[in-house]
Amino acid sequence: YQTFGTKCETIASDLISVATKNGGGGRNIVINHP
């Protein structure tokens, strides 16, 4: 996102990493369509 660089990706990556480590996980419900 514009001036954010990869900060939003870092947040998503951290969330999936912790969720998976704790026996959970993640899934994309809606994917962007630019």
PDB file of all heavy atoms in Angstrom:
ATOM      1  N   TYR A   1       0.844  -1.195   0.000  1.00  0.00           N
ATOM      2  CA  TYR A   1       0.000   0.000   0.000  1.00  0.00           C
ATOM      3  C   TYR A   1       0.879   1.243   0.000  1.00  0.00           C
ATOM      4  O   TYR A   1       1.682   1.444   0.904  1.00  0.00           O
ATOM      5  CB  TYR A   1      -0.926   0.001   1.220  1.00  0.00           C
ATOM      6  CG  TYR A   1      -2.122   0.882   1.049  1.00  0.00           C
ATOM      7  CD1 TYR A   1      -3.285   0.387   0.471  1.00  0.00           C
ATOM      8  CD2 TYR A   1      -2.102   2.204   1.449  1.00  0.00           C
ATOM      9  CE1 TYR A   1      -4.398   1.184   0.300  1.00  0.00           C
ATOM     10  CE2 TYR A   1      -3.220   3.010   1.275  1.00  0.00           C
ATOM     11  CZ  TYR A   1      -4.364   2.497   0.702  1.00  0.00           C
ATOM     12  OH  TYR A   1      -5.461   3.289   0.536  1.00  0.00           O
ATOM     13  N   GLN A   2       0.754   2.043  -1.022  1.00  0.00           N
ATOM     14  CA  GLN A   2       1.477   3.301  -1.194  1.00  0.00           C
ATOM     15  C   GLN A   2       2.695   3.452  -0.300  1.00  0.00           C
ATOM     16  O   GLN A   2       3.675   2.772  -0.468  1.00  0.00           O
ATOM     17  CB  GLN A   2       0.494   4.456  -1.060  1.00  0.00           C
ATOM     18  CG  GLN A   2      -0.524   4.425  -2.189  1.00  0.00           C
ATOM     19  CD  GLN A   2      -1.764   5.231  -1.934  1.00  0.00           C
ATOM     20  OE1 GLN A   2      -1.912   5.896  -0.926  1.00  0.00           O
ATOM     21  NE2 GLN A   2      -2.688   5.184  -2.852  1.00  0.00           N
ATOM     22  N   THR A   3       2.665   4.309   0.681  1.00  0.00           N
ATOM     23  CA  THR A   3       3.850   4.607   1.490  1.00  0.00           C
ATOM     24  C   THR A   3       4.111   3.585   2.602  1.00  0.00           C
ATOM     25  O   THR A   3       5.014   3.774   3.399  1.00  0.00           O
ATOM     26  CB  THR A   3       3.715   6.003   2.135  1.00  0.00           C
ATOM     27  OG1 THR A   3       2.540   6.000   2.957  1.00  0.00           O
ATOM     28  CG2 THR A   3       3.592   7.079   1.077  1.00  0.00           C
ATOM     29  N   PHE A   4       3.351   2.502   2.646  1.00  0.00           N
ATOM     30  CA  PHE A   4       3.487   1.529   3.726  1.00  0.00           C
ATOM     31  C   PHE A   4       4.550   0.470   3.456  1.00  0.00           C
ATOM     32  O   PHE A   4       4.893  -0.295   4.346  1.00  0.00           O
ATOM     33  CB  PHE A   4       2.144   0.851   4.003  1.00  0.00           C
ATOM     34  CG  PHE A   4       1.211   1.684   4.814  1.00  0.00           C
ATOM     35  CD1 PHE A   4       0.599   2.803   4.267  1.00  0.00           C
ATOM     36  CD2 PHE A   4       0.949   1.370   6.134  1.00  0.00           C
ATOM     37  CE1 PHE A   4      -0.252   3.588   5.014  1.00  0.00           C
ATOM     38  CE2 PHE A   4       0.099   2.143   6.903  1.00  0.00           C
ATOM     39  CZ  PHE A   4      -0.508   3.263   6.334  1.00  0.00           C
ATOM     40  N   GLY A   5       5.057   0.391   2.222  1.00  0.00           N
ATOM     41  CA  GLY A   5       6.033  -0.649   1.902  1.00  0.00           C
ATOM     42  C   GLY A   5       5.425  -2.009   2.172  1.00  0.00           C
ATOM     43  O   GLY A   5       4.328  -2.303   1.722  1.00  0.00           O
ATOM     44  N   THR A   6       6.126  -2.843   2.953  1.00  0.00           N
ATOM     45  CA  THR A   6       5.618  -4.186   3.258  1.00  0.00           C
ATOM     46  C   THR A   6       5.111  -4.307   4.701  1.00  0.00           C
ATOM     47  O   THR A   6       5.017  -5.404   5.239  1.00  0.00           O
ATOM     48  CB  THR A   6       6.715  -5.244   3.018  1.00  0.00           C
ATOM     49  OG1 THR A   6       7.830  -4.932   3.848  1.00  0.00           O
ATOM     50  CG2 THR A   6       7.142  -5.293   1.558  1.00  0.00           C
ATOM     51  N   LYS A   7       4.776  -3.182   5.316  1.00  0.00           N
ATOM     52  CA  LYS A   7       4.337  -3.236   6.725  1.00  0.00           C
ATOM     53  C   LYS A   7       3.064  -4.055   6.906  1.00  0.00           C
ATOM     54  O   LYS A   7       2.940  -4.807   7.875  1.00  0.00           O
ATOM     55  CB  LYS A   7       4.182  -1.834   7.292  1.00  0.00           C
ATOM     56  CG  LYS A   7       5.526  -1.155   7.511  1.00  0.00           C
ATOM     57  CD  LYS A   7       5.420   0.165   8.255  1.00  0.00           C
ATOM     58  CE  LYS A   7       6.817   0.697   8.523  1.00  0.00           C
ATOM     59  NZ  LYS A   7       6.834   1.785   9.487  1.00  0.00           N
ATOM     60  N   CYS A   8       2.113  -3.935   5.993  1.00  0.00           N
ATOM     61  CA  CYS A   8       0.873  -4.711   6.127  1.00  0.00           C
ATOM     62  C   CYS A   8       1.143  -6.201   5.931  1.00  0.00           C
ATOM     63  O   CYS A   8       0.575  -7.043   6.626  1.00  0.00           O
ATOM     64  CB  CYS A   8      -0.182  -4.202   5.150  1.00  0.00           C
ATOM     65  SG  CYS A   8      -0.688  -2.491   5.477  1.00  0.00           S
ATOM     66  N   GLU A   9       2.050  -6.539   4.988  1.00  0.00           N
ATOM     67  CA  GLU A   9       2.430  -7.942   4.795  1.00  0.00           C
ATOM     68  C   GLU A   9       3.110  -8.496   6.039  1.00  0.00           C
ATOM     69  O   GLU A   9       2.908  -9.653   6.394  1.00  0.00           O
ATOM     70  CB  GLU A   9       3.393  -8.085   3.607  1.00  0.00           C
ATOM     71  CG  GLU A   9       2.760  -7.825   2.261  1.00  0.00           C
ATOM     72  CD  GLU A   9       2.838  -6.366   1.822  1.00  0.00           C
ATOM     73  OE1 GLU A   9       2.706  -5.458   2.667  1.00  0.00           O
ATOM     74  OE2 GLU A   9       3.034  -6.137   0.634  1.00  0.00           O
ATOM     75  N   THR A  10       3.917  -7.666   6.695  1.00  0.00           N
ATOM     76  CA  THR A  10       4.598  -8.088   7.924  1.00  0.00           C
ATOM     77  C   THR A  10       3.584  -8.435   9.004  1.00  0.00           C
ATOM     78  O   THR A  10       3.719  -9.446   9.699  1.00  0.00           O
ATOM     79  CB  THR A  10       5.557  -6.986   8.413  1.00  0.00           C
ATOM     80  OG1 THR A  10       6.534  -6.758   7.409  1.00  0.00           O
ATOM     81  CG2 THR A  10       6.236  -7.366   9.722  1.00  0.00           C
ATOM     82  N   ILE A  11       2.549  -7.623   9.131  1.00  0.00           N
ATOM     83  CA  ILE A  11       1.495  -7.891  10.120  1.00  0.00           C
ATOM     84  C   ILE A  11       0.814  -9.219   9.806  1.00  0.00           C
ATOM     85  O   ILE A  11       0.663 -10.074  10.679  1.00  0.00           O
ATOM     86  CB  ILE A  11       0.478  -6.731  10.165  1.00  0.00           C
ATOM     87  CG1 ILE A  11       1.144  -5.482  10.734  1.00  0.00           C
ATOM     88  CG2 ILE A  11      -0.754  -7.113  10.972  1.00  0.00           C
ATOM     89  CD1 ILE A  11       0.371  -4.197  10.515  1.00  0.00           C
ATOM     90  N   ALA A  12       0.425  -9.420   8.548  1.00  0.00           N
ATOM     91  CA  ALA A  12      -0.232 -10.671   8.147  1.00  0.00           C
ATOM     92  C   ALA A  12       0.682 -11.866   8.403  1.00  0.00           C
ATOM     93  O   ALA A  12       0.246 -12.906   8.908  1.00  0.00           O
ATOM     94  CB  ALA A  12      -0.634 -10.602   6.665  1.00  0.00           C
ATOM     95  N   SER A  13       1.953 -11.708   8.087  1.00  0.00           N
ATOM     96  CA  SER A  13       2.929 -12.783   8.274  1.00  0.00           C
ATOM     97  C   SER A  13       3.097 -13.123   9.756  1.00  0.00           C
ATOM     98  O   SER A  13       3.133 -14.301  10.139  1.00  0.00           O
ATOM     99  CB  SER A  13       4.256 -12.349   7.657  1.00  0.00           C
ATOM    100  OG  SER A  13       5.240 -13.313   7.879  1.00  0.00           O
ATOM    101  N   ASP A  14       3.193 -12.112  10.598  1.00  0.00           N
ATOM    102  CA  ASP A  14       3.305 -12.342  12.038  1.00  0.00           C
ATOM    103  C   ASP A  14       2.071 -13.048  12.578  1.00  0.00           C
ATOM    104  O   ASP A  14       2.176 -13.975  13.398  1.00  0.00           O
ATOM    105  CB  ASP A  14       3.479 -11.016  12.796  1.00  0.00           C
ATOM    106  CG  ASP A  14       4.879 -10.437  12.676  1.00  0.00           C
ATOM    107  OD1 ASP A  14       5.717 -11.017  11.963  1.00  0.00           O
ATOM    108  OD2 ASP A  14       5.127  -9.381  13.307  1.00  0.00           O
ATOM    109  N   LEU A  15       0.888 -12.626  12.136  1.00  0.00           N
ATOM    110  CA  LEU A  15      -0.352 -13.228  12.621  1.00  0.00           C
ATOM    111  C   LEU A  15      -0.439 -14.703  12.228  1.00  0.00           C
ATOM    112  O   LEU A  15      -0.793 -15.542  13.054  1.00  0.00           O
ATOM    113  CB  LEU A  15      -1.565 -12.454  12.105  1.00  0.00           C
ATOM    114  CG  LEU A  15      -1.742 -11.034  12.659  1.00  0.00           C
ATOM    115  CD1 LEU A  15      -2.907 -10.333  11.967  1.00  0.00           C
ATOM    116  CD2 LEU A  15      -1.955 -11.043  14.170  1.00  0.00           C
ATOM    117  N   ILE A  16      -0.098 -15.028  10.980  1.00  0.00           N
ATOM    118  CA  ILE A  16      -0.185 -16.433  10.551  1.00  0.00           C
ATOM    119  C   ILE A  16       0.871 -17.278  11.262  1.00  0.00           C
ATOM    120  O   ILE A  16       0.627 -18.415  11.635  1.00  0.00           O
ATOM    121  CB  ILE A  16      -0.099 -16.591   9.013  1.00  0.00           C
ATOM    122  CG1 ILE A  16      -0.493 -18.014   8.595  1.00  0.00           C
ATOM    123  CG2 ILE A  16       1.267 -16.270   8.462  1.00  0.00           C
ATOM    124  CD1 ILE A  16      -1.901 -18.404   8.879  1.00  0.00           C
ATOM    125  N   SER A  17       2.021 -16.702  11.490  1.00  0.00           N
ATOM    126  CA  SER A  17       3.095 -17.424  12.163  1.00  0.00           C
ATOM    127  C   SER A  17       2.684 -17.813  13.586  1.00  0.00           C
ATOM    128  O   SER A  17       2.821 -18.971  13.991  1.00  0.00           O
ATOM    129  CB  SER A  17       4.351 -16.544  12.184  1.00  0.00           C
ATOM    130  OG  SER A  17       5.365 -17.162  12.921  1.00  0.00           O
ATOM    131  N   VAL A  18       2.151 -16.869  14.339  1.00  0.00           N
ATOM    132  CA  VAL A  18       1.743 -17.150  15.721  1.00  0.00           C
ATOM    133  C   VAL A  18       0.531 -18.085  15.742  1.00  0.00           C
ATOM    134  O   VAL A  18       0.484 -19.025  16.529  1.00  0.00           O
ATOM    135  CB  VAL A  18       1.443 -15.833  16.485  1.00  0.00           C
ATOM    136  CG1 VAL A  18       0.795 -16.123  17.831  1.00  0.00           C
ATOM    137  CG2 VAL A  18       2.724 -15.030  16.672  1.00  0.00           C
ATOM    138  N   ALA A  19      -0.428 -17.848  14.862  1.00  0.00           N
ATOM    139  CA  ALA A  19      -1.626 -18.694  14.826  1.00  0.00           C
ATOM    140  C   ALA A  19      -1.250 -20.147  14.538  1.00  0.00           C
ATOM    141  O   ALA A  19      -1.722 -21.066  15.204  1.00  0.00           O
ATOM    142  CB  ALA A  19      -2.608 -18.169  13.779  1.00  0.00           C
ATOM    143  N   THR A  20      -0.370 -20.352  13.570  1.00  0.00           N
ATOM    144  CA  THR A  20       0.051 -21.704  13.196  1.00  0.00           C
ATOM    145  C   THR A  20       0.833 -22.360  14.325  1.00  0.00           C
ATOM    146  O   THR A  20       0.608 -23.531  14.657  1.00  0.00           O
ATOM    147  CB  THR A  20       0.901 -21.649  11.904  1.00  0.00           C
ATOM    148  OG1 THR A  20       0.133 -20.996  10.897  1.00  0.00           O
ATOM    149  CG2 THR A  20       1.278 -23.031  11.438  1.00  0.00           C
ATOM    150  N   LYS A  21       1.727 -21.604  14.938  1.00  0.00           N
ATOM    151  CA  LYS A  21       2.533 -22.132  16.047  1.00  0.00           C
ATOM    152  C   LYS A  21       1.640 -22.570  17.201  1.00  0.00           C
ATOM    153  O   LYS A  21       1.947 -23.531  17.904  1.00  0.00           O
ATOM    154  CB  LYS A  21       3.529 -21.057  16.503  1.00  0.00           C
ATOM    155  CG  LYS A  21       4.549 -21.541  17.530  1.00  0.00           C
ATOM    156  CD  LYS A  21       5.502 -20.436  17.912  1.00  0.00           C
ATOM    157  CE  LYS A  21       4.826 -19.542  18.921  1.00  0.00           C
ATOM    158  NZ  LYS A  21       5.521 -18.336  19.273  1.00  0.00           N
ATOM    159  N   ASN A  22       0.521 -21.878  17.401  1.00  0.00           N
ATOM    160  CA  ASN A  22      -0.392 -22.192  18.499  1.00  0.00           C
ATOM    161  C   ASN A  22      -1.445 -23.228  18.125  1.00  0.00           C
ATOM    162  O   ASN A  22      -2.403 -23.427  18.853  1.00  0.00           O
ATOM    163  CB  ASN A  22      -1.092 -20.922  18.987  1.00  0.00           C
ATOM    164  CG  ASN A  22      -0.129 -19.971  19.657  1.00  0.00           C
ATOM    165  OD1 ASN A  22       0.964 -20.362  20.064  1.00  0.00           O
ATOM    166  ND2 ASN A  22      -0.515 -18.723  19.765  1.00  0.00           N
ATOM    167  N   GLY A  23      -1.297 -23.863  16.960  1.00  0.00           N
ATOM    168  CA  GLY A  23      -2.237 -24.904  16.562  1.00  0.00           C
ATOM    169  C   GLY A  23      -3.441 -24.402  15.805  1.00  0.00           C
ATOM    170  O   GLY A  23      -4.377 -25.153  15.535  1.00  0.00           O
ATOM    171  N   GLY A  24      -3.446 -23.121  15.464  1.00  0.00           N
ATOM    172  CA  GLY A  24      -4.545 -22.554  14.671  1.00  0.00           C
ATOM    173  C   GLY A  24      -4.102 -22.418  13.225  1.00  0.00           C
ATOM    174  O   GLY A  24      -3.403 -23.268  12.698  1.00  0.00           O
ATOM    175  N   GLY A  25      -4.485 -21.319  12.600  1.00  0.00           N
ATOM    176  CA  GLY A  25      -4.097 -21.083  11.218  1.00  0.00           C
ATOM    177  C   GLY A  25      -4.792 -19.869  10.658  1.00  0.00           C
ATOM    178  O   GLY A  25      -5.386 -19.091  11.408  1.00  0.00           O
ATOM    179  N   GLY A  26      -4.709 -19.708   9.357  1.00  0.00           N
ATOM    180  CA  GLY A  26      -5.335 -18.568   8.709  1.00  0.00           C
ATOM    181  C   GLY A  26      -5.880 -18.952   7.363  1.00  0.00           C
ATOM    182  O   GLY A  26      -5.466 -19.953   6.766  1.00  0.00           O
ATOM    183  N   ARG A  27      -6.835 -18.169   6.883  1.00  0.00           N
ATOM    184  CA  ARG A  27      -7.363 -18.396   5.535  1.00  0.00           C
ATOM    185  C   ARG A  27      -7.862 -17.079   4.966  1.00  0.00           C
ATOM    186  O   ARG A  27      -8.389 -16.232   5.689  1.00  0.00           O
ATOM    187  CB  ARG A  27      -8.473 -19.438   5.528  1.00  0.00           C
ATOM    188  CG  ARG A  27      -9.704 -19.027   6.297  1.00  0.00           C
ATOM    189  CD  ARG A  27     -10.735 -20.136   6.369  1.00  0.00           C
ATOM    190  NE  ARG A  27     -11.847 -19.708   7.211  1.00  0.00           N
ATOM    191  CZ  ARG A  27     -13.109 -19.939   6.934  1.00  0.00           C
ATOM    192  NH1 ARG A  27     -13.453 -20.599   5.845  1.00  0.00           N
ATOM    193  NH2 ARG A  27     -14.058 -19.516   7.744  1.00  0.00           N
ATOM    194  N   ASN A  28      -7.656 -16.924   3.673  1.00  0.00           N
ATOM    195  CA  ASN A  28      -8.148 -15.748   2.986  1.00  0.00           C
ATOM    196  C   ASN A  28      -9.631 -15.940   2.695  1.00  0.00           C
ATOM    197  O   ASN A  28     -10.016 -16.929   2.078  1.00  0.00           O
ATOM    198  CB  ASN A  28      -7.381 -15.523   1.682  1.00  0.00           C
ATOM    199  CG  ASN A  28      -5.960 -15.090   1.949  1.00  0.00           C
ATOM    200  OD1 ASN A  28      -5.706 -14.269   2.823  1.00  0.00           O
ATOM    201  ND2 ASN A  28      -5.022 -15.645   1.210  1.00  0.00           N
ATOM    202  N   ILE A  29     -10.438 -14.994   3.148  1.00  0.00           N
ATOM    203  CA  ILE A  29     -11.879 -15.053   2.930  1.00  0.00           C
ATOM    204  C   ILE A  29     -12.230 -14.264   1.670  1.00  0.00           C
ATOM    205  O   ILE A  29     -13.047 -14.684   0.866  1.00  0.00           O
ATOM    206  CB  ILE A  29     -12.642 -14.474   4.148  1.00  0.00           C
ATOM    207  CG1 ILE A  29     -12.233 -15.185   5.441  1.00  0.00           C
ATOM    208  CG2 ILE A  29     -14.153 -14.543   3.929  1.00  0.00           C
ATOM    209  CD1 ILE A  29     -12.591 -16.648   5.529  1.00  0.00           C
ATOM    210  N   VAL A  30     -11.629 -13.094   1.527  1.00  0.00           N
ATOM    211  CA  VAL A  30     -11.841 -12.246   0.350  1.00  0.00           C
ATOM    212  C   VAL A  30     -10.468 -11.827  -0.150  1.00  0.00           C
ATOM    213  O   VAL A  30      -9.614 -11.418   0.634  1.00  0.00           O
ATOM    214  CB  VAL A  30     -12.683 -10.990   0.690  1.00  0.00           C
ATOM    215  CG1 VAL A  30     -12.829 -10.093  -0.526  1.00  0.00           C
ATOM    216  CG2 VAL A  30     -14.053 -11.389   1.228  1.00  0.00           C
ATOM    217  N   ILE A  31     -10.247 -11.940  -1.446  1.00  0.00           N
ATOM    218  CA  ILE A  31      -8.979 -11.542  -2.059  1.00  0.00           C
ATOM    219  C   ILE A  31      -9.209 -10.262  -2.848  1.00  0.00           C
ATOM    220  O   ILE A  31     -10.218 -10.135  -3.546  1.00  0.00           O
ATOM    221  CB  ILE A  31      -8.460 -12.641  -3.029  1.00  0.00           C
ATOM    222  CG1 ILE A  31      -8.305 -13.973  -2.304  1.00  0.00           C
ATOM    223  CG2 ILE A  31      -7.151 -12.212  -3.675  1.00  0.00           C
ATOM    224  CD1 ILE A  31      -7.225 -14.020  -1.272  1.00  0.00           C
ATOM    225  N   ASN A  32      -8.254  -9.339  -2.758  1.00  0.00           N
ATOM    226  CA  ASN A  32      -8.404  -8.060  -3.452  1.00  0.00           C
ATOM    227  C   ASN A  32      -8.439  -8.260  -4.965  1.00  0.00           C
ATOM    228  O   ASN A  32      -7.849  -9.190  -5.499  1.00  0.00           O
ATOM    229  CB  ASN A  32      -7.279  -7.114  -3.051  1.00  0.00           C
ATOM    230  CG  ASN A  32      -5.953  -7.471  -3.685  1.00  0.00           C
ATOM    231  OD1 ASN A  32      -5.738  -7.213  -4.858  1.00  0.00           O
ATOM    232  ND2 ASN A  32      -5.054  -8.055  -2.907  1.00  0.00           N
ATOM    233  N   HIS A  33      -9.136  -7.378  -5.633  1.00  0.00           N
ATOM    234  CA  HIS A  33      -9.215  -7.377  -7.103  1.00  0.00           C
ATOM    235  C   HIS A  33      -8.967  -5.958  -7.592  1.00  0.00           C
ATOM    236  O   HIS A  33      -9.916  -5.229  -7.881  1.00  0.00           O
ATOM    237  CB  HIS A  33     -10.584  -7.876  -7.574  1.00  0.00           C
ATOM    238  CG  HIS A  33     -10.840  -9.303  -7.264  1.00  0.00           C
ATOM    239  ND1 HIS A  33     -10.240 -10.329  -7.965  1.00  0.00           N
ATOM    240  CD2 HIS A  33     -11.610  -9.890  -6.313  1.00  0.00           C
ATOM    241  CE1 HIS A  33     -10.642 -11.486  -7.459  1.00  0.00           C
ATOM    242  NE2 HIS A  33     -11.466 -11.244  -6.458  1.00  0.00           N
ATOM    243  N   PRO A  34      -7.691  -5.545  -7.683  1.00  0.00           N
ATOM    244  CA  PRO A  34      -7.384  -4.157  -8.042  1.00  0.00           C
ATOM    245  C   PRO A  34      -7.983  -3.710  -9.374  1.00  0.00           C
ATOM    246  O   PRO A  34      -8.289  -2.547  -9.547  1.00  0.00           O
ATOM    247  CB  PRO A  34      -5.858  -4.120  -8.112  1.00  0.00           C
ATOM    248  CG  PRO A  34      -5.392  -5.316  -7.373  1.00  0.00           C
ATOM    249  CD  PRO A  34      -6.492  -6.332  -7.434  1.00  0.00           C
TER     250      PRO A  34
END
